[in-house]
N, C-alpha and C. Protein backbone atom coordinates (compact mmCIF):
# COMPACT_ATOMS: atom_id res chain seq x y z
N MET A 1 114.91 25.33 -107.80
CA MET A 1 113.47 25.24 -107.68
C MET A 1 112.94 26.39 -106.83
N PHE A 2 113.45 26.51 -105.58
CA PHE A 2 113.11 27.67 -104.75
C PHE A 2 114.28 27.99 -103.88
N PRO A 3 114.48 29.26 -103.53
CA PRO A 3 115.63 29.59 -102.69
C PRO A 3 115.52 29.02 -101.30
N VAL A 4 116.66 28.64 -100.76
CA VAL A 4 116.70 28.11 -99.41
C VAL A 4 117.62 28.97 -98.58
N ALA A 5 117.13 29.47 -97.47
CA ALA A 5 117.95 30.22 -96.55
C ALA A 5 118.63 29.20 -95.65
N LYS A 6 119.92 29.11 -95.74
CA LYS A 6 120.69 28.14 -94.97
C LYS A 6 121.59 28.85 -93.96
N GLU A 7 121.33 28.68 -92.72
CA GLU A 7 122.23 29.24 -91.72
C GLU A 7 122.81 28.14 -90.88
N ASN A 8 121.98 27.22 -90.42
CA ASN A 8 122.44 26.08 -89.63
C ASN A 8 121.86 24.82 -90.22
N GLY A 9 122.44 24.34 -91.29
CA GLY A 9 121.95 23.11 -91.89
C GLY A 9 121.36 23.34 -93.25
N THR A 10 120.85 22.25 -93.82
CA THR A 10 120.28 22.36 -95.14
C THR A 10 118.87 21.80 -95.11
N LEU A 11 118.12 22.10 -96.12
CA LEU A 11 116.75 21.65 -96.24
C LEU A 11 116.75 20.16 -96.58
N CYS A 12 116.04 19.38 -95.83
CA CYS A 12 115.90 17.94 -96.07
C CYS A 12 115.14 17.73 -97.37
N LYS A 13 115.71 16.99 -98.33
CA LYS A 13 115.05 16.77 -99.61
C LYS A 13 113.70 16.11 -99.47
N GLN A 14 113.60 15.13 -98.55
CA GLN A 14 112.32 14.43 -98.36
C GLN A 14 111.27 15.41 -97.84
N HIS A 15 111.63 16.24 -96.89
CA HIS A 15 110.67 17.19 -96.35
C HIS A 15 110.29 18.24 -97.40
N ALA A 16 111.28 18.65 -98.18
CA ALA A 16 110.97 19.62 -99.25
C ALA A 16 109.98 19.02 -100.25
N THR A 17 110.14 17.74 -100.55
CA THR A 17 109.20 17.05 -101.46
C THR A 17 107.83 17.04 -100.85
N ASN A 18 107.72 16.77 -99.57
CA ASN A 18 106.40 16.75 -98.89
C ASN A 18 105.79 18.12 -98.89
N LEU A 19 106.58 19.17 -98.67
CA LEU A 19 106.07 20.54 -98.69
C LEU A 19 105.51 20.88 -100.07
N LEU A 20 106.21 20.45 -101.11
CA LEU A 20 105.76 20.75 -102.47
C LEU A 20 104.47 20.04 -102.79
N ARG A 21 104.25 18.87 -102.21
CA ARG A 21 102.98 18.17 -102.42
C ARG A 21 101.82 18.93 -101.76
N GLN A 22 102.10 19.56 -100.63
CA GLN A 22 101.06 20.30 -99.92
C GLN A 22 100.67 21.53 -100.72
N GLU A 23 101.64 22.27 -101.16
CA GLU A 23 101.38 23.53 -101.88
C GLU A 23 102.61 23.80 -102.75
N PRO A 24 102.40 23.99 -104.02
CA PRO A 24 103.55 24.24 -104.91
C PRO A 24 104.32 25.49 -104.43
N ALA A 25 105.63 25.38 -104.43
CA ALA A 25 106.46 26.53 -104.05
C ALA A 25 106.34 27.63 -105.06
N LYS A 26 106.25 28.81 -104.62
CA LYS A 26 106.14 29.99 -105.50
C LYS A 26 107.56 30.45 -105.82
N MET A 27 107.74 31.11 -106.93
CA MET A 27 109.03 31.60 -107.32
C MET A 27 109.53 32.63 -106.31
N ASN A 28 108.64 33.33 -105.64
CA ASN A 28 109.07 34.33 -104.68
C ASN A 28 108.98 33.80 -103.25
N GLU A 29 109.23 32.49 -103.10
CA GLU A 29 109.18 31.88 -101.76
C GLU A 29 110.58 31.43 -101.35
N THR A 30 110.95 31.76 -100.16
CA THR A 30 112.24 31.35 -99.59
C THR A 30 111.96 30.40 -98.46
N VAL A 31 112.86 29.44 -98.24
CA VAL A 31 112.72 28.47 -97.16
C VAL A 31 113.84 28.69 -96.17
N LEU A 32 113.48 28.79 -94.88
CA LEU A 32 114.45 28.89 -93.79
C LEU A 32 114.36 27.62 -92.95
N ASP A 33 115.47 26.90 -92.82
CA ASP A 33 115.51 25.69 -92.04
C ASP A 33 115.99 26.07 -90.62
N ALA A 34 115.05 26.11 -89.66
CA ALA A 34 115.36 26.43 -88.27
C ALA A 34 115.18 25.20 -87.38
N ARG A 35 115.21 24.01 -88.00
CA ARG A 35 115.04 22.80 -87.18
C ARG A 35 116.21 22.65 -86.23
N GLY A 36 115.92 22.23 -84.99
CA GLY A 36 116.94 22.02 -83.98
C GLY A 36 117.24 23.27 -83.20
N LEU A 37 116.69 24.41 -83.57
CA LEU A 37 116.92 25.65 -82.82
C LEU A 37 115.80 25.87 -81.85
N ASN A 38 116.15 26.37 -80.68
CA ASN A 38 115.17 26.65 -79.63
C ASN A 38 114.81 28.13 -79.58
N CYS A 39 113.68 28.41 -78.95
CA CYS A 39 113.15 29.75 -78.76
C CYS A 39 114.26 30.63 -78.16
N PRO A 40 114.42 31.81 -78.66
CA PRO A 40 113.70 32.54 -79.68
C PRO A 40 114.34 32.48 -81.07
N LEU A 41 115.31 31.62 -81.26
CA LEU A 41 116.12 31.63 -82.49
C LEU A 41 115.32 31.45 -83.78
N PRO A 42 114.33 30.56 -83.87
CA PRO A 42 113.59 30.49 -85.14
C PRO A 42 112.96 31.79 -85.56
N VAL A 43 112.36 32.50 -84.61
CA VAL A 43 111.74 33.80 -84.89
C VAL A 43 112.78 34.85 -85.23
N LEU A 44 113.87 34.85 -84.52
CA LEU A 44 114.92 35.85 -84.79
C LEU A 44 115.51 35.65 -86.17
N LYS A 45 115.76 34.42 -86.55
CA LYS A 45 116.31 34.15 -87.90
C LYS A 45 115.29 34.47 -88.98
N ALA A 46 114.03 34.16 -88.71
CA ALA A 46 112.98 34.47 -89.69
C ALA A 46 112.87 36.01 -89.86
N ASN A 47 112.96 36.75 -88.76
CA ASN A 47 112.89 38.19 -88.83
C ASN A 47 114.06 38.74 -89.69
N ARG A 48 115.23 38.16 -89.51
CA ARG A 48 116.41 38.60 -90.27
C ARG A 48 116.16 38.40 -91.77
N VAL A 49 115.62 37.24 -92.13
CA VAL A 49 115.35 36.95 -93.54
C VAL A 49 114.25 37.87 -94.09
N LEU A 50 113.16 38.02 -93.29
CA LEU A 50 112.05 38.86 -93.74
C LEU A 50 112.45 40.30 -94.02
N ARG A 51 113.43 40.79 -93.29
CA ARG A 51 113.90 42.19 -93.50
C ARG A 51 114.54 42.37 -94.87
N THR A 52 114.99 41.27 -95.48
CA THR A 52 115.61 41.35 -96.80
C THR A 52 114.65 41.09 -97.91
N MET A 53 113.41 40.74 -97.59
CA MET A 53 112.42 40.34 -98.60
C MET A 53 111.55 41.52 -99.04
N GLN A 54 110.97 41.37 -100.20
CA GLN A 54 110.07 42.37 -100.76
C GLN A 54 108.64 42.13 -100.24
N PRO A 55 107.83 43.17 -100.12
CA PRO A 55 106.44 42.99 -99.69
C PRO A 55 105.73 41.97 -100.57
N GLY A 56 104.98 41.09 -99.86
CA GLY A 56 104.20 40.07 -100.57
C GLY A 56 104.96 38.74 -100.79
N GLU A 57 106.26 38.77 -100.68
CA GLU A 57 107.02 37.51 -100.82
C GLU A 57 106.75 36.60 -99.64
N ARG A 58 106.94 35.32 -99.83
CA ARG A 58 106.65 34.34 -98.79
C ARG A 58 107.91 33.70 -98.24
N LEU A 59 107.90 33.48 -96.92
CA LEU A 59 108.99 32.78 -96.25
C LEU A 59 108.39 31.52 -95.63
N ARG A 60 108.95 30.38 -95.97
CA ARG A 60 108.49 29.12 -95.38
C ARG A 60 109.57 28.72 -94.33
N ILE A 61 109.15 28.57 -93.09
CA ILE A 61 110.08 28.27 -92.01
C ILE A 61 109.82 26.83 -91.53
N LEU A 62 110.90 26.06 -91.39
CA LEU A 62 110.82 24.72 -90.81
C LEU A 62 111.39 24.81 -89.41
N ALA A 63 110.66 24.34 -88.41
CA ALA A 63 111.11 24.41 -87.02
C ALA A 63 110.68 23.16 -86.27
N THR A 64 111.44 22.84 -85.25
CA THR A 64 111.08 21.67 -84.41
C THR A 64 110.76 22.06 -82.96
N ASP A 65 110.98 23.30 -82.60
CA ASP A 65 110.66 23.74 -81.25
C ASP A 65 109.19 24.03 -81.10
N ARG A 66 108.54 23.29 -80.24
CA ARG A 66 107.07 23.45 -80.06
C ARG A 66 106.68 24.88 -79.70
N ALA A 67 107.56 25.60 -78.99
CA ALA A 67 107.23 27.00 -78.64
C ALA A 67 107.11 27.89 -79.87
N SER A 68 107.67 27.44 -80.99
CA SER A 68 107.58 28.26 -82.20
C SER A 68 106.15 28.42 -82.70
N ILE A 69 105.25 27.52 -82.34
CA ILE A 69 103.86 27.63 -82.76
C ILE A 69 103.25 28.93 -82.24
N THR A 70 103.42 29.16 -80.96
CA THR A 70 102.92 30.41 -80.39
C THR A 70 103.79 31.60 -80.79
N ASP A 71 105.09 31.38 -80.83
CA ASP A 71 106.01 32.47 -81.16
C ASP A 71 105.71 33.09 -82.51
N PHE A 72 105.43 32.27 -83.52
CA PHE A 72 105.17 32.84 -84.86
C PHE A 72 103.81 33.51 -84.94
N GLN A 73 102.85 33.06 -84.17
CA GLN A 73 101.55 33.72 -84.14
C GLN A 73 101.71 35.15 -83.57
N VAL A 74 102.44 35.24 -82.45
CA VAL A 74 102.65 36.54 -81.78
C VAL A 74 103.53 37.42 -82.68
N PHE A 75 104.60 36.86 -83.21
CA PHE A 75 105.52 37.61 -84.07
C PHE A 75 104.76 38.25 -85.23
N CYS A 76 103.93 37.47 -85.91
CA CYS A 76 103.20 38.03 -87.06
C CYS A 76 102.20 39.09 -86.64
N ARG A 77 101.50 38.86 -85.52
CA ARG A 77 100.56 39.84 -85.04
C ARG A 77 101.26 41.17 -84.70
N GLU A 78 102.44 41.07 -84.07
CA GLU A 78 103.18 42.26 -83.64
C GLU A 78 103.88 43.02 -84.78
N THR A 79 104.29 42.29 -85.81
CA THR A 79 105.09 42.91 -86.87
C THR A 79 104.30 43.26 -88.14
N GLY A 80 103.09 42.72 -88.25
CA GLY A 80 102.28 43.00 -89.44
C GLY A 80 102.45 41.99 -90.56
N HIS A 81 103.34 41.01 -90.41
CA HIS A 81 103.47 39.94 -91.41
C HIS A 81 102.25 39.05 -91.24
N ALA A 82 101.92 38.29 -92.30
CA ALA A 82 100.76 37.42 -92.29
C ALA A 82 101.18 35.97 -92.18
N LEU A 83 100.73 35.27 -91.16
CA LEU A 83 100.93 33.84 -91.04
C LEU A 83 99.83 33.20 -91.86
N ILE A 84 100.19 32.69 -93.05
CA ILE A 84 99.14 32.23 -93.97
C ILE A 84 98.99 30.71 -94.00
N ALA A 85 99.94 29.99 -93.41
CA ALA A 85 99.81 28.54 -93.37
C ALA A 85 100.65 27.95 -92.24
N PHE A 86 100.15 26.85 -91.67
CA PHE A 86 100.88 26.12 -90.66
C PHE A 86 100.59 24.65 -90.79
N THR A 87 101.62 23.80 -90.79
CA THR A 87 101.42 22.38 -90.77
C THR A 87 102.36 21.76 -89.76
N ASP A 88 101.99 20.59 -89.28
CA ASP A 88 102.79 19.81 -88.34
C ASP A 88 102.95 18.42 -88.97
N GLU A 89 104.16 18.12 -89.44
CA GLU A 89 104.43 16.85 -90.07
C GLU A 89 105.52 16.13 -89.26
N ASN A 90 105.12 15.15 -88.48
CA ASN A 90 106.07 14.38 -87.66
C ASN A 90 106.93 15.29 -86.79
N SER A 91 106.29 16.23 -86.12
CA SER A 91 106.93 17.18 -85.20
C SER A 91 107.90 18.15 -85.92
N VAL A 92 107.77 18.31 -87.22
CA VAL A 92 108.44 19.39 -87.93
C VAL A 92 107.34 20.36 -88.30
N PHE A 93 107.42 21.57 -87.72
CA PHE A 93 106.41 22.58 -87.91
C PHE A 93 106.83 23.43 -89.12
N CYS A 94 105.88 23.63 -90.00
CA CYS A 94 106.11 24.43 -91.19
C CYS A 94 105.22 25.65 -91.17
N PHE A 95 105.79 26.82 -91.16
CA PHE A 95 105.05 28.09 -91.15
C PHE A 95 105.29 28.78 -92.48
N THR A 96 104.24 29.32 -93.09
CA THR A 96 104.40 30.14 -94.26
C THR A 96 103.95 31.55 -93.88
N VAL A 97 104.93 32.47 -94.01
CA VAL A 97 104.69 33.88 -93.60
C VAL A 97 104.82 34.73 -94.86
N LYS A 98 103.82 35.59 -95.05
CA LYS A 98 103.81 36.55 -96.15
C LYS A 98 104.36 37.87 -95.62
N CYS A 99 105.41 38.37 -96.27
CA CYS A 99 106.03 39.61 -95.86
C CYS A 99 105.04 40.78 -95.93
N ARG A 100 105.01 41.57 -94.89
CA ARG A 100 104.05 42.68 -94.83
C ARG A 100 104.28 43.62 -96.01
N THR A 101 103.19 44.33 -96.35
CA THR A 101 103.26 45.23 -97.49
C THR A 101 103.71 46.63 -97.12
N SER A 102 103.74 46.95 -95.84
CA SER A 102 104.25 48.27 -95.42
C SER A 102 104.83 48.14 -94.01
N ALA A 103 105.49 49.16 -93.59
CA ALA A 103 106.08 49.17 -92.24
C ALA A 103 104.94 49.15 -91.23
N PRO A 104 105.17 48.49 -90.08
CA PRO A 104 104.11 48.44 -89.06
C PRO A 104 103.86 49.84 -88.47
N ALA A 105 102.64 50.09 -88.09
CA ALA A 105 102.29 51.37 -87.46
C ALA A 105 102.98 51.48 -86.13
N ASN A 106 103.39 52.69 -85.79
CA ASN A 106 104.00 52.92 -84.47
C ASN A 106 103.00 52.73 -83.40
N LYS A 107 103.38 52.02 -82.35
CA LYS A 107 102.47 51.82 -81.21
C LYS A 107 102.62 52.98 -80.26
N PRO A 108 101.52 53.43 -79.68
CA PRO A 108 101.64 54.50 -78.66
C PRO A 108 102.36 54.00 -77.44
N ASN A 109 103.07 54.86 -76.78
CA ASN A 109 103.82 54.47 -75.56
C ASN A 109 102.92 54.28 -74.38
């Protein structure tokens, strides 16, 4: 149905069903299960997956660390990726990030 990035665990079928009810999965959408990981691991793992993705593709991240809410906002602002959706379902945070279309501009020193 949609690719799942599995590094530490698998995508819960019930949660995947709930996600699909919220918004149909796109063919170019990957899911990263970062539940149970603490800061900064969800963002680091998401960054690793995003580096392999094509511009415009979407990464859906599942996380349980409350700090990830702020972490993904800052991560997207700093890297140029777009945080296009966020949901909180029973303390499982779901972020949908759209891969940037070009490399981020160099910041002045």
